[in-house]
Amino acid sequence: MAAYIVRRLLFMIPTLLGIMLVSFVVVQFAPGGPVERVIAQLTGSDTGATSRISGSQSGDFGARGGVQGGNQFDAMSSKYRGAQGLDPEFIKKLEKQFGFDKPAYERFGLMLWNYARFDFGSSYFRDVSVMQLIKEKLPVSMSLGIWMTLLTYLISIPLGIRKAVQDGSAFDVWTSSVIIVGYAIPGFLFAILLIILFAGGSFFDWFPLRGLTSDNFSSLPWWEQIIDYFWHLTLPIIAMALSAFATMTLLTKNSFLDEIRKQYVLTARAKGCSDRQVLYGHIFRNAMLIVVAGFPGAFVHAFFTGALLIETIFSLDGLGLLGFESVLNRDYPVVFATLYIFSLVGLVVNLLSDLTYTWIDPRIDFETREV
């Protein structure tokens, strides 16, 4: 197993390199960029863009007046749209500030070197490091990911087992109908419905609509802080867990049904084992293999990718919203840093899933398999 783990860890290096290379190349050909964004704001109605430029550059821009009356250049002489009338020296300083004064291959190599040391630099448009931004958003994403995953497993596994045992019964039919309807409803649409019903939309005003905690959270006693925390999380978690709940329930049911029909189950019953002994003494371990081993992946999916619309609807400032806004704002350090971290975590979780398989069923041996 040690050799397999080492191979998998080494395999992560070219995989990460490929992911970052493809993303970097795509960004090079994507329209717009941080320089174009600042130029558009400087030449438009949004004068706040000057606050995003470093002090010396901003001062230089002010001294030159931004547009040089006798030193203007034609728009065709610049590679940036909307740069007509701006001093070429100022454009060069913008490029240097954002690192675009270097060739693409040099920028990519420098990025890889820094990321290998977990040095993600600073945001282009926020005066804070990327790591600090991620730390600020982490509590929201962790809260949504952990509690949604736990809620999903705690409900789906018992329900899936009962559906498998009572396959074809009235209970199985009506619960399947509810599950299918729940799966068909988009999470964001269900979130809006919850707001209308329970967050002061049109009916009840039982739950808050904004933030992870109340404004007076720090002044509350510890037990009220716990209540307040879950009070804010109730609706977002229910909205997120809807589709995952349906998927996990059907996965559990089908896994148990597959095991129930195998020969060893018939043998156990023929030896006089009770239904409970057969279910939990023989079937459970084999049937739960695929369910439990998928826990790390399910958690990462909820943690990183499942919360963007939910965070937006419930005004929760987490990693999903951070990544989305960074793409829109062309904040490349945040975009590439989150992509790197998400990819690395995903690769590690895949390895943990394999190790979980071997922990649940020692008969599985990855040593004899190629990566």
Protein backbone atom coordinates (compact mmCIF):
# COMPACT_ATOMS: atom_id res chain seq x y z
CA MET A 1 0.00 0.00 0.00
CA ALA A 2 2.90 2.38 0.71
CA ALA A 3 4.15 2.03 -2.86
CA TYR A 4 0.65 2.74 -4.19
CA ILE A 5 0.36 5.88 -2.06
CA VAL A 6 3.75 7.13 -3.24
CA ARG A 7 2.79 6.54 -6.89
CA ARG A 8 -0.46 8.40 -6.43
CA LEU A 9 1.28 11.32 -4.75
CA LEU A 10 3.82 11.52 -7.55
CA PHE A 11 1.03 11.30 -10.12
CA MET A 12 -0.54 14.42 -8.59
CA ILE A 13 2.36 16.57 -9.83
CA PRO A 14 1.78 16.20 -13.61
CA THR A 15 -1.98 16.28 -13.04
CA LEU A 16 -1.78 19.61 -11.22
CA LEU A 17 0.65 20.89 -13.83
CA GLY A 18 -1.75 19.98 -16.63
CA ILE A 19 -4.74 21.58 -14.91
CA MET A 20 -2.87 24.83 -14.28
CA LEU A 21 -1.37 24.89 -17.79
CA VAL A 22 -4.71 24.45 -19.55
CA SER A 23 -6.34 27.08 -17.34
CA PHE A 24 -3.46 29.50 -17.86
CA VAL A 25 -3.61 29.09 -21.65
CA VAL A 26 -7.38 29.61 -21.67
CA VAL A 27 -7.01 32.82 -19.67
CA GLN A 28 -4.43 34.15 -22.14
CA PHE A 29 -7.00 33.98 -24.95
CA ALA A 30 -9.99 35.09 -22.89
CA PRO A 31 -11.24 38.60 -23.69
CA GLY A 32 -10.67 41.26 -21.09
CA GLY A 33 -8.26 41.24 -18.20
CA PRO A 34 -7.20 43.25 -15.16
CA VAL A 35 -5.49 45.94 -17.27
CA GLU A 36 -8.53 46.32 -19.52
CA ARG A 37 -10.75 46.43 -16.46
CA VAL A 38 -8.83 49.31 -14.90
CA ILE A 39 -8.70 51.14 -18.25
CA ALA A 40 -12.45 50.78 -18.67
CA GLN A 41 -13.07 52.18 -15.22
CA LEU A 42 -10.63 55.04 -15.69
CA THR A 43 -12.14 56.10 -18.98
CA GLY A 44 -15.72 55.52 -17.85
CA SER A 45 -17.94 56.90 -15.12
CA ASP A 46 -16.42 54.78 -12.34
CA THR A 47 -13.66 56.97 -10.90
CA GLY A 48 -13.04 54.56 -8.06
CA ALA A 49 -10.64 52.55 -10.20
CA THR A 50 -7.77 54.89 -9.28
CA SER A 51 -7.93 53.52 -5.72
CA ARG A 52 -6.93 50.12 -7.04
CA ILE A 53 -3.67 51.37 -8.50
CA SER A 54 -0.56 51.52 -6.35
CA GLY A 55 0.27 54.82 -4.76
CA SER A 56 3.17 55.85 -6.97
CA GLN A 57 1.34 54.88 -10.12
CA SER A 58 -1.82 56.67 -9.04
CA GLY A 59 0.18 59.79 -8.26
CA ASP A 60 1.94 59.58 -11.58
CA PHE A 61 -1.41 59.25 -13.30
CA GLY A 62 -2.69 62.32 -11.50
CA ALA A 63 0.38 64.35 -12.39
CA ARG A 64 0.06 63.45 -16.03
CA GLY A 65 -3.69 64.01 -15.97
CA GLY A 66 -4.26 60.52 -17.36
CA VAL A 67 -4.64 61.87 -20.90
CA GLN A 68 -1.67 63.69 -22.37
CA GLY A 69 -2.91 66.60 -24.44
CA GLY A 70 0.10 66.76 -26.71
CA ASN A 71 1.19 63.13 -26.35
CA GLN A 72 -1.88 61.09 -27.21
CA PHE A 73 -1.53 57.96 -29.25
CA ASP A 74 -3.95 56.24 -31.53
CA ALA A 75 -5.98 53.33 -30.18
CA MET A 76 -4.49 51.04 -32.83
CA SER A 77 -1.04 51.45 -31.23
CA SER A 78 -2.23 49.73 -28.04
CA LYS A 79 -3.25 46.11 -27.56
CA TYR A 80 -5.88 47.15 -25.01
CA ARG A 81 -9.34 48.23 -25.96
CA GLY A 82 -10.35 51.67 -24.76
CA ALA A 83 -6.76 52.80 -24.17
CA GLN A 84 -6.89 55.65 -26.68
CA GLY A 85 -5.78 58.91 -25.16
CA LEU A 86 -3.98 57.32 -22.22
CA ASP A 87 -0.27 57.81 -21.72
CA PRO A 88 1.71 54.78 -22.98
CA GLU A 89 3.97 55.00 -19.94
CA PHE A 90 0.97 54.71 -17.67
CA ILE A 91 -0.19 51.60 -19.54
CA LYS A 92 3.26 50.09 -19.10
CA LYS A 93 3.10 50.77 -15.37
CA LEU A 94 -0.27 49.04 -15.20
CA GLU A 95 1.21 46.04 -17.00
CA LYS A 96 4.12 45.95 -14.57
CA GLN A 97 1.81 46.20 -11.58
CA PHE A 98 -0.19 43.19 -12.75
CA GLY A 99 2.88 41.29 -13.96
CA PHE A 100 2.02 41.47 -17.66
CA ASP A 101 5.37 43.05 -18.53
CA LYS A 102 6.84 39.52 -18.59
CA PRO A 103 6.27 36.91 -21.31
CA ALA A 104 3.58 34.30 -20.68
CA TYR A 105 5.97 31.37 -20.14
CA GLU A 106 7.89 33.33 -17.50
CA ARG A 107 4.69 34.29 -15.67
CA PHE A 108 3.52 30.69 -15.71
CA GLY A 109 6.84 29.38 -14.39
CA LEU A 110 6.88 31.99 -11.62
CA MET A 111 3.32 31.11 -10.67
CA LEU A 112 4.18 27.40 -10.41
CA TRP A 113 7.24 28.15 -8.29
CA ASN A 114 5.24 30.32 -5.91
CA TYR A 115 2.33 27.86 -5.72
CA ALA A 116 4.70 24.99 -4.94
CA ARG A 117 5.61 26.99 -1.80
CA PHE A 118 1.94 27.90 -1.20
CA ASP A 119 2.69 31.53 -1.90
CA PHE A 120 -0.41 32.80 -3.71
CA GLY A 121 0.39 36.51 -3.69
CA SER A 122 -2.18 39.26 -3.27
CA SER A 123 -5.47 40.05 -4.91
CA TYR A 124 -5.32 42.53 -7.81
CA PHE A 125 -8.28 44.56 -6.65
CA ARG A 126 -8.36 44.00 -2.89
CA ASP A 127 -5.57 45.12 -0.61
CA VAL A 128 -5.21 41.72 1.02
CA SER A 129 -3.36 38.47 0.35
CA VAL A 130 -5.13 35.61 -1.37
CA MET A 131 -4.60 33.32 1.63
CA GLN A 132 -6.18 35.90 3.91
CA LEU A 133 -9.17 36.12 1.59
CA ILE A 134 -9.58 32.34 1.61
CA LYS A 135 -9.31 32.23 5.41
CA GLU A 136 -12.02 34.87 5.70
CA LYS A 137 -14.42 32.92 3.46
CA LEU A 138 -13.52 29.46 4.80
CA PRO A 139 -15.90 29.36 7.82
CA VAL A 140 -18.97 29.79 5.62
CA SER A 141 -17.97 27.07 3.15
CA MET A 142 -16.90 24.72 5.93
CA SER A 143 -20.20 25.19 7.73
CA LEU A 144 -22.24 24.48 4.63
CA GLY A 145 -20.10 21.54 3.51
CA ILE A 146 -19.79 19.74 6.84
CA TRP A 147 -23.37 20.01 8.03
CA MET A 148 -24.92 19.35 4.63
CA THR A 149 -22.85 16.19 4.18
CA LEU A 150 -23.59 14.91 7.68
CA LEU A 151 -27.31 15.63 7.34
CA THR A 152 -27.40 13.88 3.97
CA TYR A 153 -25.71 10.72 5.25
CA LEU A 154 -27.64 10.57 8.53
CA ILE A 155 -30.98 10.62 6.69
CA SER A 156 -30.15 8.92 3.40
CA ILE A 157 -28.46 5.78 4.72
CA PRO A 158 -31.27 4.63 7.08
CA LEU A 159 -33.90 5.56 4.52
CA GLY A 160 -32.06 3.77 1.71
CA ILE A 161 -31.69 0.62 3.84
CA ARG A 162 -35.38 0.58 4.69
CA LYS A 163 -36.33 1.13 1.04
CA ALA A 164 -34.13 -1.80 0.03
CA VAL A 165 -35.61 -4.09 2.69
CA GLN A 166 -39.16 -3.06 1.74
CA ASP A 167 -38.52 -2.92 -2.00
CA GLY A 168 -41.79 -2.67 -3.94
CA SER A 169 -43.91 -1.83 -0.88
CA ALA A 170 -46.14 1.22 -0.56
CA PHE A 171 -43.48 2.89 1.59
CA ASP A 172 -40.87 2.37 -1.13
CA VAL A 173 -43.16 3.73 -3.85
CA TRP A 174 -44.22 6.94 -2.15
CA THR A 175 -40.76 7.75 -0.78
CA SER A 176 -39.29 7.19 -4.25
CA SER A 177 -41.85 9.62 -5.66
CA VAL A 178 -40.88 12.25 -3.09
CA ILE A 179 -37.17 11.67 -3.74
CA ILE A 180 -37.53 11.97 -7.51
CA VAL A 181 -39.52 15.19 -7.20
CA GLY A 182 -36.94 16.55 -4.78
CA TYR A 183 -34.11 15.65 -7.12
CA ALA A 184 -35.85 17.35 -10.04
CA ILE A 185 -36.21 20.65 -8.18
CA PRO A 186 -33.07 22.84 -8.53
CA GLY A 187 -31.52 23.74 -5.20
CA PHE A 188 -31.64 27.49 -5.84
CA LEU A 189 -35.35 27.29 -6.73
CA PHE A 190 -36.08 25.38 -3.53
CA ALA A 191 -34.05 27.99 -1.63
CA ILE A 192 -36.30 30.74 -2.99
CA LEU A 193 -39.35 28.71 -1.97
CA LEU A 194 -37.96 28.35 1.57
CA ILE A 195 -37.40 32.09 1.75
CA ILE A 196 -40.95 32.80 0.63
CA LEU A 197 -42.38 30.37 3.17
CA PHE A 198 -40.13 30.76 6.22
CA ALA A 199 -37.91 33.85 5.90
CA GLY A 200 -40.41 36.67 5.79
CA GLY A 201 -41.23 36.35 2.10
CA SER A 202 -45.02 35.98 2.19
CA PHE A 203 -45.89 33.68 5.06
CA PHE A 204 -43.73 33.05 8.14
CA ASP A 205 -40.74 35.03 9.39
CA TRP A 206 -39.00 32.27 11.34
CA PHE A 207 -35.46 32.30 9.92
CA PRO A 208 -32.94 35.03 9.06
CA LEU A 209 -32.11 35.80 5.46
CA ARG A 210 -28.57 37.16 5.66
CA GLY A 211 -25.22 36.08 7.04
CA LEU A 212 -23.90 33.17 9.07
CA THR A 213 -24.53 34.80 12.47
CA SER A 214 -26.46 37.70 13.95
CA ASP A 215 -24.95 41.15 14.49
CA ASN A 216 -24.90 40.66 18.27
CA PHE A 217 -23.35 37.19 18.02
CA SER A 218 -20.21 38.07 20.04
CA SER A 219 -22.28 39.36 22.96
CA LEU A 220 -24.41 36.21 23.24
CA PRO A 221 -23.67 33.41 25.75
CA TRP A 222 -22.10 30.31 24.23
CA TRP A 223 -25.30 28.27 24.14
CA GLU A 224 -27.19 31.08 22.39
CA GLN A 225 -24.31 31.39 19.92
CA ILE A 226 -24.79 27.73 18.97
CA ILE A 227 -28.53 28.26 18.52
CA ASP A 228 -27.96 31.41 16.50
CA TYR A 229 -25.39 29.66 14.30
CA PHE A 230 -27.72 26.79 13.38
CA TRP A 231 -30.67 29.19 13.11
CA HIS A 232 -28.87 30.93 10.24
CA LEU A 233 -27.74 27.66 8.64
CA THR A 234 -31.07 25.82 8.63
CA LEU A 235 -32.53 27.04 5.33
CA PRO A 236 -29.25 27.07 3.29
CA ILE A 237 -28.39 23.51 4.38
CA ILE A 238 -31.88 22.19 3.59
CA ALA A 239 -31.74 23.81 0.14
CA MET A 240 -28.28 22.36 -0.57
CA ALA A 241 -29.05 18.89 0.76
CA LEU A 242 -32.12 18.34 -1.42
CA SER A 243 -30.45 16.86 -4.52
CA ALA A 244 -27.62 15.19 -2.57
CA PHE A 245 -30.19 13.58 -0.28
CA ALA A 246 -31.99 12.01 -3.24
CA THR A 247 -28.79 10.75 -4.85
CA MET A 248 -27.41 9.19 -1.67
CA THR A 249 -30.71 7.52 -0.77
CA LEU A 250 -31.04 5.80 -4.14
CA LEU A 251 -27.36 4.85 -4.11
CA THR A 252 -27.76 3.21 -0.71
CA LYS A 253 -30.91 1.40 -1.75
CA ASN A 254 -29.43 0.03 -4.96
CA SER A 255 -26.24 -1.03 -3.20
CA PHE A 256 -28.18 -3.01 -0.60
CA LEU A 257 -30.51 -4.52 -3.21
CA ASP A 258 -27.50 -5.73 -5.17
CA GLU A 259 -26.06 -7.45 -2.10
CA ILE A 260 -29.40 -8.91 -0.94
CA ARG A 261 -29.69 -10.90 -4.17
CA LYS A 262 -26.28 -12.57 -3.85
CA GLN A 263 -25.70 -16.20 -2.99
CA TYR A 264 -24.02 -15.64 0.38
CA VAL A 265 -27.24 -14.00 1.67
CA LEU A 266 -29.28 -17.07 0.73
CA THR A 267 -26.67 -19.26 2.43
CA ALA A 268 -26.81 -17.20 5.63
CA ARG A 269 -30.59 -17.43 5.74
CA ALA A 270 -30.46 -21.17 5.09
CA LYS A 271 -28.21 -21.52 8.15
CA GLY A 272 -30.95 -19.99 10.30
CA CYS A 273 -29.71 -16.40 10.63
CA SER A 274 -32.43 -13.86 11.37
CA ASP A 275 -33.18 -11.06 8.94
CA ARG A 276 -31.43 -8.57 11.23
CA GLN A 277 -28.34 -10.76 11.48
CA VAL A 278 -28.23 -11.17 7.72
CA LEU A 279 -28.74 -7.44 7.10
CA TYR A 280 -26.25 -6.03 9.60
CA GLY A 281 -23.92 -8.99 10.00
CA HIS A 282 -23.41 -9.90 6.34
CA ILE A 283 -24.92 -7.38 3.92
CA PHE A 284 -24.17 -4.09 5.65
CA ARG A 285 -20.40 -4.13 5.33
CA ASN A 286 -20.39 -5.02 1.64
CA ALA A 287 -23.25 -2.72 0.70
CA MET A 288 -21.83 0.26 2.57
CA LEU A 289 -18.49 0.02 0.79
CA ILE A 290 -19.42 2.30 -2.08
CA VAL A 291 -21.47 4.61 0.14
CA VAL A 292 -18.89 5.24 2.86
CA ALA A 293 -15.96 5.36 0.46
CA GLY A 294 -17.71 8.16 -1.40
CA PHE A 295 -17.89 10.33 1.73
CA PRO A 296 -14.68 12.35 1.08
CA GLY A 297 -15.74 13.13 -2.47
CA ALA A 298 -19.26 14.09 -1.41
CA PHE A 299 -17.87 16.41 1.24
CA VAL A 300 -15.49 18.15 -1.17
CA HIS A 301 -18.29 18.55 -3.72
CA ALA A 302 -20.48 20.23 -1.12
CA PHE A 303 -17.55 22.21 0.24
CA PHE A 304 -16.31 23.74 -3.01
CA THR A 305 -18.82 23.43 -5.82
CA GLY A 306 -22.31 23.11 -4.45
CA ALA A 307 -22.84 26.41 -2.69
CA LEU A 308 -22.47 29.27 -5.20
CA LEU A 309 -26.14 29.99 -5.82
CA ILE A 310 -27.07 29.17 -2.23
CA GLU A 311 -24.42 31.57 -0.94
CA THR A 312 -25.74 34.28 -3.26
CA ILE A 313 -29.40 33.76 -2.35
CA PHE A 314 -28.79 33.70 1.40
CA SER A 315 -26.05 36.38 1.34
CA LEU A 316 -23.37 34.02 2.63
CA ASP A 317 -19.88 35.17 1.68
CA GLY A 318 -18.05 31.88 1.11
CA LEU A 319 -15.49 30.36 -1.24
CA GLY A 320 -18.00 29.69 -4.00
CA LEU A 321 -19.01 33.33 -4.22
CA LEU A 322 -15.37 34.43 -3.91
CA GLY A 323 -14.31 32.32 -6.89
CA PHE A 324 -17.25 33.46 -9.02
CA GLU A 325 -16.66 37.14 -8.31
CA SER A 326 -12.93 36.75 -8.95
CA VAL A 327 -13.61 35.33 -12.42
CA LEU A 328 -15.95 38.20 -13.24
CA ASN A 329 -13.48 40.79 -11.94
CA ARG A 330 -10.48 39.15 -13.66
CA ASP A 331 -8.76 38.84 -10.30
CA TYR A 332 -6.35 36.20 -11.59
CA PRO A 333 -4.36 35.55 -8.38
CA VAL A 334 -7.58 34.56 -6.59
CA VAL A 335 -8.84 32.57 -9.59
CA PHE A 336 -5.67 30.51 -10.01
CA ALA A 337 -5.09 30.10 -6.27
CA THR A 338 -8.58 28.73 -5.66
CA LEU A 339 -8.27 26.49 -8.73
CA TYR A 340 -4.92 25.16 -7.47
CA ILE A 341 -6.23 24.53 -3.96
CA PHE A 342 -9.46 22.91 -5.16
CA SER A 343 -7.58 20.67 -7.59
CA LEU A 344 -5.04 19.65 -4.97
CA VAL A 345 -7.73 18.89 -2.41
CA GLY A 346 -9.69 16.92 -5.01
CA LEU A 347 -6.66 14.75 -5.85
CA VAL A 348 -5.94 14.11 -2.17
CA VAL A 349 -9.58 13.23 -1.55
CA ASN A 350 -9.52 10.71 -4.41
CA LEU A 351 -6.57 9.05 -2.71
CA LEU A 352 -8.41 9.08 0.63
CA SER A 353 -11.40 7.45 -1.06
CA ASP A 354 -9.20 4.58 -2.26
CA LEU A 355 -7.72 4.19 1.21
CA THR A 356 -11.23 4.19 2.66
CA TYR A 357 -12.11 1.28 0.37
CA THR A 358 -9.21 -0.76 1.74
CA TRP A 359 -10.10 0.20 5.32
CA ILE A 360 -13.69 -0.98 4.89
CA ASP A 361 -12.76 -4.11 2.93
CA PRO A 362 -9.16 -5.31 3.43
CA ARG A 363 -9.65 -7.73 0.53
CA ILE A 364 -9.27 -4.79 -1.87
CA ASP A 365 -5.61 -4.42 -2.82
CA PHE A 366 -4.50 -1.48 -4.91
CA GLU A 367 -0.87 -2.56 -4.81
CA THR A 368 -1.37 -4.89 -7.75
CA ARG A 369 -3.15 -2.20 -9.81
CA GLU A 370 -1.62 0.47 -11.97
CA VAL A 371 -2.37 4.08 -11.12
